[in-house]
PDB file of N, CA and C in Angstrom:
ATOM      1  N   UNK A   1       0.132  -9.194   1.031  1.00  0.00           N
ATOM      2  CA  UNK A   1      -1.535  -9.012   1.396  1.00  0.00           C
ATOM      3  C   UNK A   1      -2.396  -9.494   0.091  1.00  0.00           C
ATOM      4  N   UNK A   2      -3.433  -9.831   1.725  1.00  0.00           N
ATOM      5  CA  UNK A   2      -4.235 -10.787   1.089  1.00  0.00           C
ATOM      6  C   UNK A   2      -5.480  -9.320   0.436  1.00  0.00           C
ATOM      7  N   UNK A   3      -5.506  -9.663  -0.908  1.00  0.00           N
ATOM      8  CA  UNK A   3      -7.020  -8.392  -2.013  1.00  0.00           C
ATOM      9  C   UNK A   3      -8.124  -8.737  -0.918  1.00  0.00           C
ATOM     10  N   UNK A   4      -8.324  -9.639   0.251  1.00  0.00           N
ATOM     11  CA  UNK A   4      -9.478  -9.288   1.032  1.00  0.00           C
ATOM     12  C   UNK A   4     -11.025 -10.050   0.240  1.00  0.00           C
ATOM     13  N   UNK A   5     -10.440 -10.831  -0.699  1.00  0.00           N
ATOM     14  CA  UNK A   5     -11.843 -10.867  -1.361  1.00  0.00           C
ATOM     15  C   UNK A   5     -12.344 -12.353  -1.683  1.00  0.00           C
ATOM     16  N   UNK A   6     -10.679 -12.600  -2.002  1.00  0.00           N
ATOM     17  CA  UNK A   6     -10.290 -13.441  -3.119  1.00  0.00           C
ATOM     18  C   UNK A   6      -9.217 -14.746  -2.392  1.00  0.00           C
ATOM     19  N   UNK A   7      -8.724 -14.193  -1.000  1.00  0.00           N
ATOM     20  CA  UNK A   7      -7.859 -14.394  -0.480  1.00  0.00           C
ATOM     21  C   UNK A   7      -6.441 -14.525  -0.950  1.00  0.00           C
ATOM     22  N   UNK A   8      -6.298 -14.174  -2.590  1.00  0.00           N
ATOM     23  CA  UNK A   8      -4.813 -14.161  -2.680  1.00  0.00           C
ATOM     24  C   UNK A   8      -3.863 -12.698  -3.198  1.00  0.00           C
ATOM     25  N   UNK A   9      -2.720 -13.898  -2.637  1.00  0.00           N
ATOM     26  CA  UNK A   9      -1.512 -12.274  -2.278  1.00  0.00           C
ATOM     27  C   UNK A   9      -2.074 -11.592  -3.150  1.00  0.00           C
ATOM     28  N   UNK A  10      -1.933 -10.170  -2.781  1.00  0.00           N
ATOM     29  CA  UNK A  10      -1.118  -8.986  -3.430  1.00  0.00           C
ATOM     30  C   UNK A  10      -0.454  -8.397  -3.411  1.00  0.00           C
ATOM     31  N   UNK A  11       0.040  -7.192  -4.414  1.00  0.00           N
ATOM     32  CA  UNK A  11       1.676  -6.706  -3.938  1.00  0.00           C
ATOM     33  C   UNK A  11       1.120  -5.487  -3.983  1.00  0.00           C
ATOM     34  N   UNK A  12       1.245  -4.862  -2.938  1.00  0.00           N
ATOM     35  CA  UNK A  12       0.562  -3.108  -2.555  1.00  0.00           C
ATOM     36  C   UNK A  12       1.804  -2.035  -2.538  1.00  0.00           C
ATOM     37  N   UNK A  13       1.699  -0.481  -2.967  1.00  0.00           N
ATOM     38  CA  UNK A  13       2.965  -0.365  -2.814  1.00  0.00           C
ATOM     39  C   UNK A  13       2.608   0.962  -1.413  1.00  0.00           C
ATOM     40  N   UNK A  14       3.744   0.957  -0.786  1.00  0.00           N
ATOM     41  CA  UNK A  14       3.260   1.477   0.863  1.00  0.00           C
ATOM     42  C   UNK A  14       2.466   1.886   0.757  1.00  0.00           C
ATOM     43  N   UNK A  15       2.033   3.093  -0.075  1.00  0.00           N
ATOM     44  CA  UNK A  15       0.871   4.024   0.566  1.00  0.00           C
ATOM     45  C   UNK A  15      -0.409   2.751   0.696  1.00  0.00           C
ATOM     46  N   UNK A  16      -0.673   2.189  -0.044  1.00  0.00           N
ATOM     47  CA  UNK A  16      -1.582   1.042  -0.129  1.00  0.00           C
ATOM     48  C   UNK A  16      -1.356  -0.051   0.606  1.00  0.00           C
ATOM     49  N   UNK A  17      -0.280   0.055   1.408  1.00  0.00           N
ATOM     50  CA  UNK A  17      -0.383  -1.405   2.631  1.00  0.00           C
ATOM     51  C   UNK A  17      -0.377  -0.479   3.628  1.00  0.00           C
ATOM     52  N   UNK A  18       0.097   0.844   3.769  1.00  0.00           N
ATOM     53  CA  UNK A  18      -0.363   1.841   5.502  1.00  0.00           C
ATOM     54  C   UNK A  18      -1.988   2.025   4.936  1.00  0.00           C
ATOM     55  N   UNK A  19      -3.178   1.987   3.624  1.00  0.00           N
ATOM     56  CA  UNK A  19      -3.833   2.325   4.101  1.00  0.00           C
ATOM     57  C   UNK A  19      -5.062   1.093   4.564  1.00  0.00           C
ATOM     58  N   UNK A  20      -4.449  -0.489   3.714  1.00  0.00           N
ATOM     59  CA  UNK A  20      -5.419  -1.198   4.146  1.00  0.00           C
ATOM     60  C   UNK A  20      -4.767  -1.532   5.878  1.00  0.00           C
ATOM     61  N   UNK A  21      -4.232  -2.199   5.829  1.00  0.00           N
ATOM     62  CA  UNK A  21      -3.995  -1.784   7.230  1.00  0.00           C
ATOM     63  C   UNK A  21      -3.616  -1.549   8.588  1.00  0.00           C
ATOM     64  N   UNK A  22      -4.064   0.201   8.187  1.00  0.00           N
ATOM     65  CA  UNK A  22      -5.511   0.721   8.984  1.00  0.00           C
ATOM     66  C   UNK A  22      -6.175   0.198   9.400  1.00  0.00           C
ATOM     67  N   UNK A  23      -7.341   0.161   7.699  1.00  0.00           N
ATOM     68  CA  UNK A  23      -8.699  -0.275   8.180  1.00  0.00           C
ATOM     69  C   UNK A  23      -8.738  -2.035   8.636  1.00  0.00           C
ATOM     70  N   UNK A  24      -7.686  -2.314   8.735  1.00  0.00           N
ATOM     71  CA  UNK A  24      -7.927  -3.695   9.665  1.00  0.00           C
ATOM     72  C   UNK A  24      -7.745  -3.634  11.371  1.00  0.00           C
ATOM     73  N   UNK A  25      -6.883  -2.266  11.636  1.00  0.00           N
ATOM     74  CA  UNK A  25      -6.823  -2.433  12.527  1.00  0.00           C
ATOM     75  C   UNK A  25      -7.816  -2.328  14.066  1.00  0.00           C
ATOM     76  N   UNK A  26      -9.311  -1.463  13.642  1.00  0.00           N
ATOM     77  CA  UNK A  26      -9.748  -1.529  13.959  1.00  0.00           C
ATOM     78  C   UNK A  26     -10.380  -2.541  14.999  1.00  0.00           C
ATOM     79  N   UNK A  27      -9.812  -4.473  14.970  1.00  0.00           N
ATOM     80  CA  UNK A  27     -10.389  -5.772  15.179  1.00  0.00           C
ATOM     81  C   UNK A  27      -9.711  -5.406  16.122  1.00  0.00           C
ATOM     82  N   UNK A  28      -8.602  -4.441  16.964  1.00  0.00           N
ATOM     83  CA  UNK A  28      -7.839  -4.821  17.913  1.00  0.00           C
ATOM     84  C   UNK A  28      -9.295  -4.523  19.241  1.00  0.00           C
ATOM     85  N   UNK A  29      -9.305  -3.219  18.422  1.00  0.00           N
ATOM     86  CA  UNK A  29     -10.413  -2.158  19.619  1.00  0.00           C
ATOM     87  C   UNK A  29     -11.031  -3.257  20.622  1.00  0.00           C
ATOM     88  N   UNK A  30     -11.105  -2.527  21.664  1.00  0.00           N
ATOM     89  CA  UNK A  30     -11.256  -3.746  23.244  1.00  0.00           C
ATOM     90  C   UNK A  30      -9.975  -4.448  23.424  1.00  0.00           C
ATOM     91  N   UNK A  31      -8.995  -5.279  23.046  1.00  0.00           N
ATOM     92  CA  UNK A  31      -8.111  -6.314  23.447  1.00  0.00           C
ATOM     93  C   UNK A  31      -7.817  -5.774  24.820  1.00  0.00           C
ATOM     94  N   UNK A  32      -6.540  -6.345  25.400  1.00  0.00           N
ATOM     95  CA  UNK A  32      -6.570  -5.607  27.420  1.00  0.00           C
ATOM     96  C   UNK A  32      -4.558  -6.337  26.530  1.00  0.00           C
ATOM     97  N   UNK A  33      -4.452  -4.882  26.247  1.00  0.00           N
ATOM     98  CA  UNK A  33      -3.116  -4.372  26.437  1.00  0.00           C
ATOM     99  C   UNK A  33      -2.274  -3.774  27.481  1.00  0.00           C
ATOM    100  N   UNK A  34      -1.258  -4.301  28.304  1.00  0.00           N
ATOM    101  CA  UNK A  34      -0.986  -4.059  29.661  1.00  0.00           C
ATOM    102  C   UNK A  34      -1.477  -4.069  30.068  1.00  0.00           C
ATOM    103  N   UNK A  35      -2.857  -4.352  30.595  1.00  0.00           N
ATOM    104  CA  UNK A  35      -3.572  -3.766  31.637  1.00  0.00           C
ATOM    105  C   UNK A  35      -4.412  -2.940  31.160  1.00  0.00           C
ATOM    106  N   UNK A  36      -4.626  -2.344  30.054  1.00  0.00           N
ATOM    107  CA  UNK A  36      -5.451  -1.527  29.719  1.00  0.00           C
ATOM    108  C   UNK A  36      -6.459  -2.019  27.962  1.00  0.00           C
ATOM    109  N   UNK A  37      -7.500  -1.959  28.077  1.00  0.00           N
ATOM    110  CA  UNK A  37      -8.085  -2.952  26.775  1.00  0.00           C
ATOM    111  C   UNK A  37      -7.623  -1.109  25.615  1.00  0.00           C
ATOM    112  N   UNK A  38      -7.420  -1.168  24.332  1.00  0.00           N
ATOM    113  CA  UNK A  38      -7.088  -0.618  23.197  1.00  0.00           C
ATOM    114  C   UNK A  38      -8.136   0.094  22.690  1.00  0.00           C
ATOM    115  N   UNK A  39      -8.132   1.488  22.994  1.00  0.00           N
ATOM    116  CA  UNK A  39      -8.548   2.241  22.442  1.00  0.00           C
ATOM    117  C   UNK A  39      -8.709   2.125  20.860  1.00  0.00           C
ATOM    118  N   UNK A  40      -8.118   2.746  20.356  1.00  0.00           N
ATOM    119  CA  UNK A  40      -8.112   2.302  19.231  1.00  0.00           C
ATOM    120  C   UNK A  40      -5.801   2.461  18.791  1.00  0.00           C
ATOM    121  N   UNK A  41      -5.752   2.310  17.959  1.00  0.00           N
ATOM    122  CA  UNK A  41      -4.362   2.342  17.176  1.00  0.00           C
ATOM    123  C   UNK A  41      -4.617   3.144  15.577  1.00  0.00           C
ATOM    124  N   UNK A  42      -3.317   4.258  15.141  1.00  0.00           N
ATOM    125  CA  UNK A  42      -2.693   4.917  13.974  1.00  0.00           C
ATOM    126  C   UNK A  42      -2.076   3.934  13.612  1.00  0.00           C
ATOM    127  N   UNK A  43      -1.667   3.785  12.253  1.00  0.00           N
ATOM    128  CA  UNK A  43      -0.319   3.530  11.674  1.00  0.00           C
ATOM    129  C   UNK A  43      -0.440   3.903  10.530  1.00  0.00           C
ATOM    130  N   UNK A  44       0.918   4.904  10.658  1.00  0.00           N
ATOM    131  CA  UNK A  44       0.935   5.615   9.739  1.00  0.00           C
ATOM    132  C   UNK A  44       2.893   5.817   9.348  1.00  0.00           C
ATOM    133  N   UNK A  45       3.108   6.627   8.095  1.00  0.00           N
ATOM    134  CA  UNK A  45       4.379   6.276   7.436  1.00  0.00           C
ATOM    135  C   UNK A  45       4.930   8.071   8.427  1.00  0.00           C
ATOM    136  N   UNK A  46       6.120   8.303   8.816  1.00  0.00           N
ATOM    137  CA  UNK A  46       6.700  10.025   8.941  1.00  0.00           C
ATOM    138  C   UNK A  46       7.099  10.656   8.014  1.00  0.00           C
ATOM    139  N   UNK A  47       7.285  11.833   8.320  1.00  0.00           N
ATOM    140  CA  UNK A  47       8.259  13.013   7.738  1.00  0.00           C
ATOM    141  C   UNK A  47       7.717  13.598   8.487  1.00  0.00           C
ATOM    142  N   UNK A  48       8.409  15.327   7.578  1.00  0.00           N
ATOM    143  CA  UNK A  48       8.039  16.531   7.916  1.00  0.00           C
ATOM    144  C   UNK A  48       7.029  16.707   8.424  1.00  0.00           C
ATOM    145  N   UNK A  49       7.129  17.815   9.414  1.00  0.00           N
ATOM    146  CA  UNK A  49       5.560  19.021   9.040  1.00  0.00           C
ATOM    147  C   UNK A  49       5.253  19.904   8.240  1.00  0.00           C
ATOM    148  N   UNK A  50       4.914  19.790   6.850  1.00  0.00           N
ATOM    149  CA  UNK A  50       5.078  21.193   6.344  1.00  0.00           C
ATOM    150  C   UNK A  50       4.207  22.281   6.863  1.00  0.00           C
ATOM    151  N   UNK A  51       4.491  23.688   6.562  1.00  0.00           N
ATOM    152  CA  UNK A  51       3.712  24.645   6.479  1.00  0.00           C
ATOM    153  C   UNK A  51       1.670  24.704   6.677  1.00  0.00           C
ATOM    154  N   UNK A  52       1.026  23.912   6.209  1.00  0.00           N
ATOM    155  CA  UNK A  52       0.275  24.084   6.044  1.00  0.00           C
ATOM    156  C   UNK A  52      -0.627  23.013   7.419  1.00  0.00           C
ATOM    157  N   UNK A  53       0.639  22.456   7.210  1.00  0.00           N
ATOM    158  CA  UNK A  53       0.752  21.054   9.459  1.00  0.00           C
ATOM    159  C   UNK A  53       0.522  20.169   8.530  1.00  0.00           C
ATOM    160  N   UNK A  54      -0.052  19.699   7.393  1.00  0.00           N
ATOM    161  CA  UNK A  54       0.018  17.810   7.301  1.00  0.00           C
ATOM    162  C   UNK A  54       1.438  18.101   6.658  1.00  0.00           C
ATOM    163  N   UNK A  55       1.770  16.797   6.917  1.00  0.00           N
ATOM    164  CA  UNK A  55       3.383  16.314   6.834  1.00  0.00           C
ATOM    165  C   UNK A  55       3.621  14.995   5.562  1.00  0.00           C
ATOM    166  N   UNK A  56       4.371  15.317   5.162  1.00  0.00           N
ATOM    167  CA  UNK A  56       5.609  14.435   3.452  1.00  0.00           C
ATOM    168  C   UNK A  56       5.631  12.916   3.876  1.00  0.00           C
ATOM    169  N   UNK A  57       6.197  12.442   3.378  1.00  0.00           N
ATOM    170  CA  UNK A  57       6.000  10.731   3.785  1.00  0.00           C
ATOM    171  C   UNK A  57       7.456  10.776   3.081  1.00  0.00           C
ATOM    172  N   UNK A  58       8.883  10.373   3.805  1.00  0.00           N
ATOM    173  CA  UNK A  58       9.644  10.341   4.352  1.00  0.00           C
ATOM    174  C   UNK A  58      10.315   9.084   3.197  1.00  0.00           C
ATOM    175  N   UNK A  59      11.340   8.469   2.005  1.00  0.00           N
ATOM    176  CA  UNK A  59      11.564   7.246   1.954  1.00  0.00           C
ATOM    177  C   UNK A  59      13.000   7.862   2.042  1.00  0.00           C
ATOM    178  N   UNK A  60      13.651   6.704   2.889  1.00  0.00           N
ATOM    179  CA  UNK A  60      14.788   6.111   2.723  1.00  0.00           C
ATOM    180  C   UNK A  60      15.733   5.074   2.030  1.00  0.00           C
ATOM    181  N   UNK A  61      16.552   5.929   1.433  1.00  0.00           N
ATOM    182  CA  UNK A  61      17.560   4.200   0.498  1.00  0.00           C
ATOM    183  C   UNK A  61      18.834   3.242   1.774  1.00  0.00           C
ATOM    184  N   UNK A  62      17.868   2.340   1.745  1.00  0.00           N
ATOM    185  CA  UNK A  62      19.482   1.732   2.993  1.00  0.00           C
ATOM    186  C   UNK A  62      20.374   0.637   2.450  1.00  0.00           C
ATOM    187  N   UNK A  63      20.856   0.266   2.223  1.00  0.00           N
ATOM    188  CA  UNK A  63      22.013  -0.659   1.443  1.00  0.00           C
ATOM    189  C   UNK A  63      22.500  -1.733   2.783  1.00  0.00           C
ATOM    190  N   UNK A  64      22.472  -2.190   2.821  1.00  0.00           N
ATOM    191  CA  UNK A  64      23.092  -3.809   3.433  1.00  0.00           C
ATOM    192  C   UNK A  64      24.478  -4.596   2.892  1.00  0.00           C
ATOM    193  N   UNK A  65      25.256  -5.072   3.625  1.00  0.00           N
ATOM    194  CA  UNK A  65      26.323  -4.710   3.740  1.00  0.00           C
ATOM    195  C   UNK A  65      27.233  -5.891   2.654  1.00  0.00           C
ATOM    196  N   UNK A  66      25.536  -6.668   1.568  1.00  0.00           N
ATOM    197  CA  UNK A  66      26.165  -6.972   0.449  1.00  0.00           C
ATOM    198  C   UNK A  66      26.261  -6.189  -0.613  1.00  0.00           C
ATOM    199  N   UNK A  67      25.596  -5.010  -0.484  1.00  0.00           N
ATOM    200  CA  UNK A  67      25.602  -3.888  -1.461  1.00  0.00           C
ATOM    201  C   UNK A  67      24.537  -3.882  -2.236  1.00  0.00           C
ATOM    202  N   UNK A  68      23.008  -4.664  -1.756  1.00  0.00           N
ATOM    203  CA  UNK A  68      22.112  -4.009  -1.959  1.00  0.00           C
ATOM    204  C   UNK A  68      20.919  -3.320  -1.241  1.00  0.00           C
ATOM    205  N   UNK A  69      20.392  -2.313  -2.521  1.00  0.00           N
ATOM    206  CA  UNK A  69      19.893  -1.452  -1.825  1.00  0.00           C
ATOM    207  C   UNK A  69      18.196  -1.949  -1.515  1.00  0.00           C
ATOM    208  N   UNK A  70      17.597  -0.691  -1.018  1.00  0.00           N
ATOM    209  CA  UNK A  70      15.865  -0.988  -0.712  1.00  0.00           C
ATOM    210  C   UNK A  70      15.315  -0.067   0.099  1.00  0.00           C
ATOM    211  N   UNK A  71      14.626   0.351  -0.810  1.00  0.00           N
ATOM    212  CA  UNK A  71      13.512   1.752  -0.862  1.00  0.00           C
ATOM    213  C   UNK A  71      13.181   1.112   0.961  1.00  0.00           C
ATOM    214  N   UNK A  72      12.991   2.806   1.486  1.00  0.00           N
ATOM    215  CA  UNK A  72      12.012   1.498   3.703  1.00  0.00           C
ATOM    216  C   UNK A  72      11.665   3.413   3.301  1.00  0.00           C
ATOM    217  N   UNK A  73      10.989   2.649   4.211  1.00  0.00           N
ATOM    218  CA  UNK A  73      10.343   4.046   5.561  1.00  0.00           C
ATOM    219  C   UNK A  73       9.682   4.089   6.776  1.00  0.00           C
ATOM    220  N   UNK A  74       9.801   5.351   7.145  1.00  0.00           N
ATOM    221  CA  UNK A  74       9.638   4.525   8.836  1.00  0.00           C
ATOM    222  C   UNK A  74       8.214   4.549   9.568  1.00  0.00           C
ATOM    223  N   UNK A  75       8.132   3.401   9.794  1.00  0.00           N
ATOM    224  CA  UNK A  75       6.621   3.650  10.428  1.00  0.00           C
ATOM    225  C   UNK A  75       5.948   3.717  11.659  1.00  0.00           C
ATOM    226  N   UNK A  76       5.236   4.807  12.249  1.00  0.00           N
ATOM    227  CA  UNK A  76       5.295   5.384  13.315  1.00  0.00           C
ATOM    228  C   UNK A  76       3.639   4.134  13.742  1.00  0.00           C
ATOM    229  N   UNK A  77       3.328   3.833  15.144  1.00  0.00           N
ATOM    230  CA  UNK A  77       2.344   3.376  15.734  1.00  0.00           C
ATOM    231  C   UNK A  77       2.060   3.601  16.820  1.00  0.00           C
ATOM    232  N   UNK A  78       0.571   4.811  16.802  1.00  0.00           N
ATOM    233  CA  UNK A  78       0.531   4.619  17.846  1.00  0.00           C
ATOM    234  C   UNK A  78      -1.285   4.382  18.823  1.00  0.00           C
ATOM    235  N   UNK A  79      -1.044   4.075  20.138  1.00  0.00           N
ATOM    236  CA  UNK A  79      -2.278   3.260  20.684  1.00  0.00           C
ATOM    237  C   UNK A  79      -2.916   3.574  20.992  1.00  0.00           C
ATOM    238  N   UNK A  80      -3.795   4.300  21.262  1.00  0.00           N
ATOM    239  CA  UNK A  80      -4.200   4.727  22.354  1.00  0.00           C
ATOM    240  C   UNK A  80      -5.568   3.516  23.796  1.00  0.00           C
ATOM    241  N   UNK A  81      -4.762   3.090  24.602  1.00  0.00           N
ATOM    242  CA  UNK A  81      -6.197   2.854  25.376  1.00  0.00           C
ATOM    243  C   UNK A  81      -6.700   3.489  26.026  1.00  0.00           C
ATOM    244  N   UNK A  82      -7.558   2.777  26.481  1.00  0.00           N
ATOM    245  CA  UNK A  82      -8.364   3.572  28.039  1.00  0.00           C
ATOM    246  C   UNK A  82      -8.670   4.631  28.756  1.00  0.00           C
ATOM    247  N   UNK A  83      -7.756   4.262  29.889  1.00  0.00           N
ATOM    248  CA  UNK A  83      -7.032   4.966  30.803  1.00  0.00           C
ATOM    249  C   UNK A  83      -5.595   4.968  30.911  1.00  0.00           C
ATOM    250  N   UNK A  84      -4.633   4.350  30.211  1.00  0.00           N
ATOM    251  CA  UNK A  84      -3.539   3.840  30.484  1.00  0.00           C
ATOM    252  C   UNK A  84      -2.843   5.169  29.743  1.00  0.00           C
ATOM    253  N   UNK A  85      -0.878   4.938  29.541  1.00  0.00           N
ATOM    254  CA  UNK A  85      -0.766   5.508  28.842  1.00  0.00           C
ATOM    255  C   UNK A  85      -1.062   5.619  27.053  1.00  0.00           C
ATOM    256  N   UNK A  86      -0.757   5.796  26.304  1.00  0.00           N
ATOM    257  CA  UNK A  86      -0.544   6.023  24.423  1.00  0.00           C
ATOM    258  C   UNK A  86       1.322   5.740  25.007  1.00  0.00           C
ATOM    259  N   UNK A  87       1.116   5.200  23.917  1.00  0.00           N
ATOM    260  CA  UNK A  87       1.800   3.930  23.387  1.00  0.00           C
ATOM    261  C   UNK A  87       2.576   3.861  22.142  1.00  0.00           C
ATOM    262  N   UNK A  88       3.802   4.226  22.298  1.00  0.00           N
ATOM    263  CA  UNK A  88       4.055   4.949  20.288  1.00  0.00           C
ATOM    264  C   UNK A  88       5.228   3.864  20.480  1.00  0.00           C
ATOM    265  N   UNK A  89       5.097   3.416  18.936  1.00  0.00           N
ATOM    266  CA  UNK A  89       6.212   1.938  18.402  1.00  0.00           C
ATOM    267  C   UNK A  89       6.851   3.031  17.755  1.00  0.00           C
ATOM    268  N   UNK A  90       7.408   3.389  16.888  1.00  0.00           N
ATOM    269  CA  UNK A  90       9.008   3.212  15.777  1.00  0.00           C
ATOM    270  C   UNK A  90       9.536   5.160  16.272  1.00  0.00           C
ATOM    271  N   UNK A  91      10.505   4.874  15.563  1.00  0.00           N
ATOM    272  CA  UNK A  91      10.861   6.316  15.295  1.00  0.00           C
ATOM    273  C   UNK A  91      10.433   7.263  15.366  1.00  0.00           C
ATOM    274  N   UNK A  92      10.889   8.900  16.089  1.00  0.00           N
ATOM    275  CA  UNK A  92      10.169   9.923  15.259  1.00  0.00           C
ATOM    276  C   UNK A  92      11.104  10.909  14.181  1.00  0.00           C
ATOM    277  N   UNK A  93      10.589  11.358  13.899  1.00  0.00           N
ATOM    278  CA  UNK A  93      11.184  12.076  12.514  1.00  0.00           C
ATOM    279  C   UNK A  93      12.878  12.262  11.972  1.00  0.00           C
ATOM    280  N   UNK A  94      12.362  13.073  13.783  1.00  0.00           N
ATOM    281  CA  UNK A  94      13.576  13.698  14.558  1.00  0.00           C
ATOM    282  C   UNK A  94      14.731  13.060  14.604  1.00  0.00           C
ATOM    283  N   UNK A  95      14.647  11.678  14.868  1.00  0.00           N
ATOM    284  CA  UNK A  95      15.493  10.537  15.599  1.00  0.00           C
ATOM    285  C   UNK A  95      16.314  10.490  14.071  1.00  0.00           C
ATOM    286  N   UNK A  96      15.864  10.372  12.385  1.00  0.00           N
ATOM    287  CA  UNK A  96      16.268   9.769  11.680  1.00  0.00           C
ATOM    288  C   UNK A  96      16.813  11.000  11.042  1.00  0.00           C
ATOM    289  N   UNK A  97      17.277  11.553  11.874  1.00  0.00           N
ATOM    290  CA  UNK A  97      17.862  12.837  11.170  1.00  0.00           C
ATOM    291  C   UNK A  97      19.377  12.391  10.182  1.00  0.00           C
ATOM    292  N   UNK A  98      20.321  11.280  10.535  1.00  0.00           N
ATOM    293  CA  UNK A  98      21.999  11.560  10.204  1.00  0.00           C
ATOM    294  C   UNK A  98      20.459   9.961   9.140  1.00  0.00           C
ATOM    295  N   UNK A  99      20.043   9.558   8.117  1.00  0.00           N
ATOM    296  CA  UNK A  99      19.694   9.015   7.391  1.00  0.00           C
ATOM    297  C   UNK A  99      19.376  10.314   6.352  1.00  0.00           C
ATOM    298  N   UNK A 100      20.075  10.120   5.180  1.00  0.00           N
ATOM    299  CA  UNK A 100      19.217  11.025   3.842  1.00  0.00           C
ATOM    300  C   UNK A 100      18.040  10.124   3.650  1.00  0.00           C
ATOM    301  N   UNK A 101      17.091  11.323   2.477  1.00  0.00           N
ATOM    302  CA  UNK A 101      15.873  11.421   2.711  1.00  0.00           C
ATOM    303  C   UNK A 101      15.661  11.237   0.672  1.00  0.00           C
ATOM    304  N   UNK A 102      15.664  10.589   0.193  1.00  0.00           N
ATOM    305  CA  UNK A 102      15.127  10.199  -1.098  1.00  0.00           C
ATOM    306  C   UNK A 102      14.113  10.717  -1.900  1.00  0.00           C
ATOM    307  N   UNK A 103      13.853  10.963  -0.922  1.00  0.00           N
ATOM    308  CA  UNK A 103      12.338  11.098  -1.744  1.00  0.00           C
ATOM    309  C   UNK A 103      11.456  10.174  -2.099  1.00  0.00           C
TER     310      UNK A 103
END
């Protein structure tokens, strides 16, 4: 991802990446998607709801067929349109119950 100032590539941790991406999504507002204008887009990492009604963020460990492992997150994107139904992209946290959270 570009640093936004010098146009050089920078590495961000997943949380900073989400923050930077959310900051740029406003540029999509007003575009037409499925016949309706985009009002806003929310982009976030998923996890369980805590007692204080906030959410934690789950990290998953994924192994490929070559035995390599990577840590990953589930991303949800909610697209709010002016008149049409809300569009959800990504899995709900409860749909990932078979995957073990690694913290």
